Amino acid sequence: MVNNQSVREFVIVGFTDIAHTYNHKLIFLLFIFLYIFITCGNGVVSLVIIFYSHLHRPMYLFICSLSVVEICIITTVYPTLLALFLEGKAYISFDYCFFQMYAFDAFVVTENYLLTAMAYDRYVAICKALRYHTIMTFNTCKILICSCWILGFLSPLAMIILVYRLPYCGPNVVEHIYCDSSPLLTLACSSTNLDVTMDLSVSSFTIILNSVFIVFIYSNILLVILKMRTSVERKRAFSTCTSHLIMSLIFYGSVAFMYIQLQQSYSPEYDLASAIHQSVLTPLLSPLVYSFRNKEIKGFIKKLLRTDAIQGPNRLKKSS
């Protein structure tokens, strides 16, 4: 790719005003804590699923993959975000800026596809319960997860290439917490109508297609649940969907709200709020929703903690 530009680096200043208004060191420590909590939370969920063979089932493999995606999302964004609170601004090279934008978009789109695949898994589990193990085999689950990752990394390529090839001759100040297409398009020295249209079209198509599919899936699930004979069956069936439904509403609600706003006018403040939602709130809630609402994951975590608590004193006695 060849781009005609004179800008060699960008300056990220998304939180400059906040950092100057409030105690930037306190905010820095807060986000350090959030990063550790989100990483540990998602990491524990994924490691429990990986190391306990009893959890090697489609639903848990999807949750494990989703937890890995959440860790990747915050790891992509947080280095720039933390630098904002320490220095008031973050300097990022031209090429790394686009790498960060591509990585973030790829992981978010991968999460989008994973949520869709998880909805299909819940549909099969409830609407085709007797055939679940023949439809959702281990190989089928692996193919779905790999497809989500491949599609996630292929989908943003066209947009990244278009934005990268635009001329950037100054200014180079990005009003955001990381490099993103929306603020970068405002810095280009040429017309960006085609790029904005393509960005909205491709992103909207991907989001709308997956969200409509999820709505269709849950409409069928609801019809099946309502036809169940007893309230116990209905409650059990609905409980298997609750965690996924909550995460889907959080994810698609945030994304839909963001693109509705972008179609009206670009607002840096609104874009910042949407970015914080995607890079902080969703990864933060994911382990809480899936671990605290899932009895099996909760049970294995408690078992692991009890084992460590028992083995700890025993190891000390042996060493003494």
Protein backbone atom coordinates (compact mmCIF):
# COMPACT_ATOMS: atom_id res chain seq x y z
CA MET A 1 0.00 0.00 0.00
CA VAL A 2 1.27 3.46 -0.93
CA ASN A 3 -0.01 6.57 0.78
CA ASN A 4 0.70 10.19 -0.05
CA GLN A 5 1.20 11.83 3.32
CA SER A 6 3.60 14.02 5.26
CA VAL A 7 2.42 13.14 8.77
CA ARG A 8 4.81 10.68 10.44
CA GLU A 9 3.02 10.35 13.76
CA PHE A 10 -0.28 11.15 15.44
CA VAL A 11 -0.96 12.69 18.84
CA ILE A 12 -3.77 11.08 20.81
CA VAL A 13 -5.44 13.62 23.14
CA GLY A 14 -8.80 12.01 23.89
CA PHE A 15 -8.72 12.51 27.65
CA THR A 16 -6.59 15.62 27.95
CA ASP A 17 -9.36 17.77 29.42
CA ILE A 18 -10.35 15.13 31.96
CA ALA A 19 -6.75 14.49 32.95
CA HIS A 20 -6.22 18.21 33.59
CA THR A 21 -9.52 18.70 35.40
CA TYR A 22 -9.20 15.75 37.77
CA ASN A 23 -6.30 13.96 39.45
CA HIS A 24 -4.72 12.23 36.45
CA LYS A 25 -2.68 9.89 38.67
CA LEU A 26 -5.83 8.70 40.40
CA ILE A 27 -7.51 8.07 37.05
CA PHE A 28 -4.36 6.27 35.87
CA LEU A 29 -4.49 3.96 38.91
CA LEU A 30 -8.20 3.38 38.35
CA PHE A 31 -7.64 2.24 34.77
CA ILE A 32 -4.66 0.12 35.82
CA PHE A 33 -6.98 -1.61 38.30
CA LEU A 34 -9.64 -2.02 35.60
CA TYR A 35 -7.10 -3.50 33.18
CA ILE A 36 -5.87 -6.00 35.79
CA PHE A 37 -9.42 -6.89 36.84
CA ILE A 38 -10.65 -7.33 33.26
CA THR A 39 -7.59 -9.34 32.23
CA CYS A 40 -7.69 -11.56 35.31
CA GLY A 41 -11.46 -12.01 35.13
CA ASN A 42 -11.51 -13.05 31.49
CA GLY A 43 -8.26 -14.97 31.91
CA VAL A 44 -9.63 -17.05 34.80
CA VAL A 45 -12.80 -17.86 32.85
CA SER A 46 -10.84 -18.96 29.76
CA LEU A 47 -8.23 -20.97 31.76
CA VAL A 48 -10.91 -22.77 33.79
CA ILE A 49 -12.61 -23.81 30.54
CA ILE A 50 -9.32 -24.86 28.91
CA PHE A 51 -7.98 -26.95 31.81
CA TYR A 52 -11.20 -28.64 32.94
CA SER A 53 -12.24 -31.26 30.39
CA HIS A 54 -15.79 -31.30 31.79
CA LEU A 55 -16.26 -27.83 30.28
CA HIS A 56 -15.09 -28.81 26.80
CA ARG A 57 -18.55 -28.31 25.37
CA PRO A 58 -19.66 -25.90 22.61
CA MET A 59 -21.18 -23.25 24.88
CA TYR A 60 -18.08 -23.05 27.07
CA LEU A 61 -15.70 -23.07 24.12
CA PHE A 62 -17.56 -20.04 22.75
CA ILE A 63 -17.32 -18.32 26.16
CA CYS A 64 -13.58 -19.11 26.27
CA SER A 65 -13.04 -17.59 22.82
CA LEU A 66 -15.11 -14.53 23.77
CA SER A 67 -12.99 -14.03 26.91
CA VAL A 68 -9.81 -14.14 24.81
CA VAL A 69 -11.29 -11.52 22.45
CA GLU A 70 -12.09 -9.22 25.40
CA ILE A 71 -8.49 -9.46 26.63
CA CYS A 72 -7.21 -8.66 23.12
CA ILE A 73 -9.52 -5.63 22.83
CA ILE A 74 -8.34 -3.96 26.03
CA THR A 75 -4.69 -4.88 25.39
CA THR A 76 -4.95 -3.09 22.04
CA VAL A 77 -6.36 0.10 23.55
CA TYR A 78 -4.97 0.43 27.07
CA PRO A 79 -1.29 1.24 26.29
CA THR A 80 -2.41 4.43 24.53
CA LEU A 81 -5.09 5.12 27.12
CA LEU A 82 -2.69 4.85 30.08
CA ALA A 83 -0.15 7.10 28.37
CA LEU A 84 -2.82 9.82 28.18
CA PHE A 85 -3.08 9.94 31.97
CA LEU A 86 0.67 9.94 32.56
CA GLU A 87 1.70 12.46 29.90
CA GLY A 88 -1.57 14.17 28.96
CA LYS A 89 -1.11 12.95 25.38
CA ALA A 90 0.16 9.87 23.57
CA TYR A 91 2.44 9.89 20.53
CA ILE A 92 1.90 7.05 18.11
CA SER A 93 3.67 6.36 14.81
CA PHE A 94 1.74 6.54 11.56
CA ASP A 95 1.94 2.80 10.79
CA TYR A 96 1.26 1.68 14.36
CA CYS A 97 -1.80 3.93 14.45
CA PHE A 98 -3.35 1.99 11.58
CA PHE A 99 -2.24 -1.31 13.05
CA GLN A 100 -4.03 -0.38 16.29
CA MET A 101 -7.14 0.65 14.37
CA TYR A 102 -7.12 -2.60 12.40
CA ALA A 103 -6.54 -4.77 15.49
CA PHE A 104 -9.30 -3.10 17.51
CA ASP A 105 -11.82 -3.29 14.66
CA ALA A 106 -10.88 -6.92 13.93
CA PHE A 107 -11.38 -8.01 17.54
CA VAL A 108 -14.68 -6.13 17.86
CA VAL A 109 -16.00 -7.68 14.63
CA THR A 110 -14.81 -11.10 15.82
CA GLU A 111 -16.83 -10.57 19.01
CA ASN A 112 -19.81 -9.66 16.83
CA TYR A 113 -19.57 -12.97 14.93
CA LEU A 114 -18.96 -14.96 18.12
CA LEU A 115 -22.14 -13.60 19.68
CA THR A 116 -24.02 -14.66 16.54
CA ALA A 117 -22.52 -18.17 16.67
CA MET A 118 -23.40 -18.42 20.36
CA ALA A 119 -27.01 -17.47 19.55
CA TYR A 120 -27.13 -20.33 17.04
CA ASP A 121 -25.73 -22.69 19.69
CA ARG A 122 -28.50 -21.67 22.12
CA TYR A 123 -31.09 -22.12 19.35
CA VAL A 124 -29.97 -25.69 18.70
CA ALA A 125 -29.80 -26.45 22.44
CA ILE A 126 -33.41 -25.35 23.04
CA CYS A 127 -35.26 -25.77 19.75
CA LYS A 128 -33.51 -28.97 18.62
CA ALA A 129 -32.52 -30.39 22.01
CA LEU A 130 -32.71 -34.06 20.97
CA ARG A 131 -30.32 -33.48 18.05
CA TYR A 132 -28.01 -31.02 19.85
CA HIS A 133 -25.06 -33.40 20.21
CA THR A 134 -25.26 -34.51 16.59
CA ILE A 135 -25.53 -30.95 15.22
CA MET A 136 -23.15 -29.09 17.55
CA THR A 137 -20.25 -31.52 17.50
CA PHE A 138 -16.76 -30.58 18.67
CA ASN A 139 -15.60 -30.21 15.04
CA THR A 140 -18.60 -28.03 14.17
CA CYS A 141 -17.84 -25.80 17.15
CA LYS A 142 -14.18 -25.47 16.09
CA ILE A 143 -15.21 -24.57 12.53
CA LEU A 144 -17.64 -21.90 13.80
CA ILE A 145 -15.05 -20.36 16.14
CA CYS A 146 -12.33 -20.34 13.47
CA SER A 147 -14.76 -18.82 10.96
CA CYS A 148 -15.61 -16.04 13.43
CA TRP A 149 -11.92 -15.15 13.83
CA ILE A 150 -11.19 -15.32 10.09
CA LEU A 151 -14.21 -13.18 9.18
CA GLY A 152 -13.36 -10.79 12.00
CA PHE A 153 -9.88 -10.14 10.63
CA LEU A 154 -10.97 -9.99 6.98
CA SER A 155 -13.95 -7.63 7.40
CA PRO A 156 -12.05 -4.40 8.34
CA LEU A 157 -9.31 -4.81 5.69
CA ALA A 158 -10.98 -2.85 2.89
CA MET A 159 -11.77 0.12 5.14
CA ILE A 160 -8.28 0.16 6.67
CA ILE A 161 -6.68 0.21 3.22
CA LEU A 162 -8.90 3.10 2.07
CA VAL A 163 -8.19 5.21 5.17
CA TYR A 164 -4.46 4.39 5.05
CA ARG A 165 -4.17 5.57 1.44
CA LEU A 166 -5.68 8.99 2.18
CA PRO A 167 -3.25 11.95 2.26
CA TYR A 168 -2.44 13.30 5.75
CA CYS A 169 -0.59 16.60 5.64
CA GLY A 170 -1.58 18.01 9.05
CA PRO A 171 -2.93 18.53 11.63
CA ASN A 172 -2.14 15.25 13.36
CA VAL A 173 -4.10 15.55 16.63
CA VAL A 174 -6.55 12.66 17.15
CA GLU A 175 -9.40 13.48 19.56
CA HIS A 176 -9.86 9.93 20.72
CA ILE A 177 -8.41 7.37 23.15
CA TYR A 178 -6.94 5.31 20.31
CA CYS A 179 -6.62 5.45 16.54
CA ASP A 180 -10.03 5.01 14.95
CA SER A 181 -11.39 5.63 11.46
CA SER A 182 -13.88 8.36 12.45
CA PRO A 183 -11.39 10.89 13.93
CA LEU A 184 -8.73 10.00 11.33
CA LEU A 185 -11.10 10.76 8.46
CA THR A 186 -11.51 14.30 9.82
CA LEU A 187 -7.71 14.79 9.52
CA ALA A 188 -7.39 13.75 5.87
CA CYS A 189 -6.45 16.42 3.35
CA SER A 190 -8.81 15.20 0.65
CA SER A 191 -12.48 14.37 0.30
CA THR A 192 -13.57 11.45 2.49
CA ASN A 193 -17.18 11.09 1.34
CA LEU A 194 -16.50 7.72 -0.30
CA ASP A 195 -14.61 6.47 2.75
CA VAL A 196 -17.30 7.58 5.21
CA THR A 197 -20.01 6.00 3.06
CA MET A 198 -18.11 2.74 2.75
CA ASP A 199 -17.28 2.69 6.47
CA LEU A 200 -20.93 3.13 7.43
CA SER A 201 -22.16 0.72 4.75
CA VAL A 202 -19.77 -2.14 5.55
CA SER A 203 -20.04 -1.72 9.31
CA SER A 204 -23.80 -1.28 9.26
CA PHE A 205 -24.26 -4.30 6.99
CA THR A 206 -22.16 -6.50 9.29
CA ILE A 207 -23.87 -5.30 12.46
CA ILE A 208 -27.41 -5.32 11.03
CA LEU A 209 -26.99 -8.76 9.44
CA ASN A 210 -25.79 -10.33 12.69
CA SER A 211 -28.25 -8.49 14.94
CA VAL A 212 -31.21 -9.42 12.70
CA PHE A 213 -30.05 -13.04 12.78
CA ILE A 214 -29.88 -12.97 16.59
CA VAL A 215 -33.35 -11.40 16.82
CA PHE A 216 -34.69 -14.10 14.49
CA ILE A 217 -33.00 -16.81 16.58
CA TYR A 218 -34.42 -15.51 19.86
CA SER A 219 -37.87 -15.11 18.35
CA ASN A 220 -37.84 -18.82 17.55
CA ILE A 221 -36.43 -19.66 20.99
CA LEU A 222 -39.18 -17.61 22.67
CA LEU A 223 -41.88 -19.41 20.70
CA VAL A 224 -40.49 -22.79 21.72
CA ILE A 225 -40.17 -21.73 25.39
CA LEU A 226 -43.78 -20.50 25.47
CA LYS A 227 -44.96 -23.88 24.19
CA MET A 228 -43.25 -25.78 27.00
CA ARG A 229 -45.63 -27.48 29.40
CA THR A 230 -44.25 -26.54 32.81
CA SER A 231 -42.83 -23.37 34.30
CA VAL A 232 -39.76 -25.33 35.45
CA GLU A 233 -38.92 -26.25 31.85
CA ARG A 234 -39.47 -22.68 30.70
CA LYS A 235 -37.28 -21.29 33.49
CA ARG A 236 -34.49 -23.79 32.77
CA ALA A 237 -34.59 -23.06 29.04
CA PHE A 238 -34.62 -19.30 29.53
CA SER A 239 -31.75 -19.43 32.04
CA THR A 240 -29.48 -21.00 29.41
CA CYS A 241 -29.95 -17.91 27.22
CA THR A 242 -29.86 -15.14 29.83
CA SER A 243 -26.09 -14.53 29.92
CA HIS A 244 -25.75 -14.44 26.14
CA LEU A 245 -28.83 -12.24 25.78
CA ILE A 246 -27.45 -9.71 28.29
CA MET A 247 -24.07 -9.50 26.51
CA SER A 248 -25.78 -9.21 23.11
CA LEU A 249 -27.94 -6.32 24.31
CA ILE A 250 -24.89 -4.53 25.77
CA PHE A 251 -22.79 -5.04 22.64
CA TYR A 252 -25.36 -4.30 19.94
CA GLY A 253 -26.99 -1.52 21.94
CA SER A 254 -23.69 0.33 22.15
CA VAL A 255 -22.78 -0.24 18.50
CA ALA A 256 -26.22 0.68 17.18
CA PHE A 257 -26.29 3.87 19.23
CA MET A 258 -22.83 4.81 17.93
CA TYR A 259 -23.69 4.36 14.25
CA ILE A 260 -27.00 6.21 14.58
CA GLN A 261 -25.03 9.18 15.93
CA LEU A 262 -22.35 8.94 13.23
CA GLN A 263 -24.98 9.04 10.50
CA GLN A 264 -26.25 12.34 11.90
CA SER A 265 -22.94 14.07 12.67
CA TYR A 266 -19.55 13.20 14.04
CA SER A 267 -19.11 14.17 17.67
CA PRO A 268 -15.71 13.57 19.34
CA GLU A 269 -17.29 13.56 22.81
CA TYR A 270 -19.91 11.01 21.79
CA ASP A 271 -17.29 8.90 20.00
CA LEU A 272 -15.20 8.89 23.19
CA ALA A 273 -18.16 7.66 25.23
CA SER A 274 -18.82 4.87 22.72
CA ALA A 275 -15.14 3.89 22.73
CA ILE A 276 -15.09 3.68 26.53
CA HIS A 277 -18.20 1.52 26.41
CA GLN A 278 -16.61 -0.93 23.98
CA SER A 279 -13.11 -0.96 25.49
CA VAL A 280 -14.04 -0.87 29.20
CA LEU A 281 -17.66 -1.69 30.00
CA THR A 282 -18.21 -4.70 27.72
CA PRO A 283 -14.91 -6.49 28.64
CA LEU A 284 -15.58 -5.69 32.31
CA LEU A 285 -19.09 -7.15 32.33
CA SER A 286 -18.30 -10.22 30.23
CA PRO A 287 -16.59 -12.34 32.96
CA LEU A 288 -19.08 -11.13 35.56
CA VAL A 289 -22.08 -12.15 33.46
CA TYR A 290 -20.71 -15.52 32.34
CA SER A 291 -19.02 -16.59 35.58
CA PHE A 292 -21.47 -15.38 38.21
CA ARG A 293 -24.52 -16.51 36.24
CA ASN A 294 -23.07 -19.88 35.25
CA LYS A 295 -23.18 -22.54 37.98
CA GLU A 296 -20.60 -24.83 36.36
CA ILE A 297 -17.96 -22.13 35.84
CA LYS A 298 -18.65 -20.80 39.34
CA GLY A 299 -18.36 -24.29 40.75
CA PHE A 300 -15.00 -25.00 39.08
CA ILE A 301 -13.59 -21.64 40.20
CA LYS A 302 -14.65 -22.37 43.80
CA LYS A 303 -13.18 -25.85 43.54
CA LEU A 304 -9.93 -24.41 42.26
CA LEU A 305 -9.77 -21.87 45.10
CA ARG A 306 -10.52 -24.54 47.72
CA THR A 307 -7.81 -26.80 46.28
CA ASP A 308 -5.24 -24.00 46.47
CA ALA A 309 -6.33 -23.12 50.01
CA ILE A 310 -5.88 -26.74 51.14
CA GLN A 311 -2.64 -27.40 49.29
CA GLY A 312 -1.04 -24.13 50.44
CA PRO A 313 -0.69 -25.08 54.16
CA ASN A 314 0.29 -28.65 53.18
CA ARG A 315 3.14 -27.37 51.04
CA LEU A 316 4.32 -25.19 53.91
CA LYS A 317 4.29 -28.18 56.31
CA LYS A 318 6.27 -30.32 53.89
CA SER A 319 8.87 -27.61 53.32
CA SER A 320 9.31 -27.15 57.08
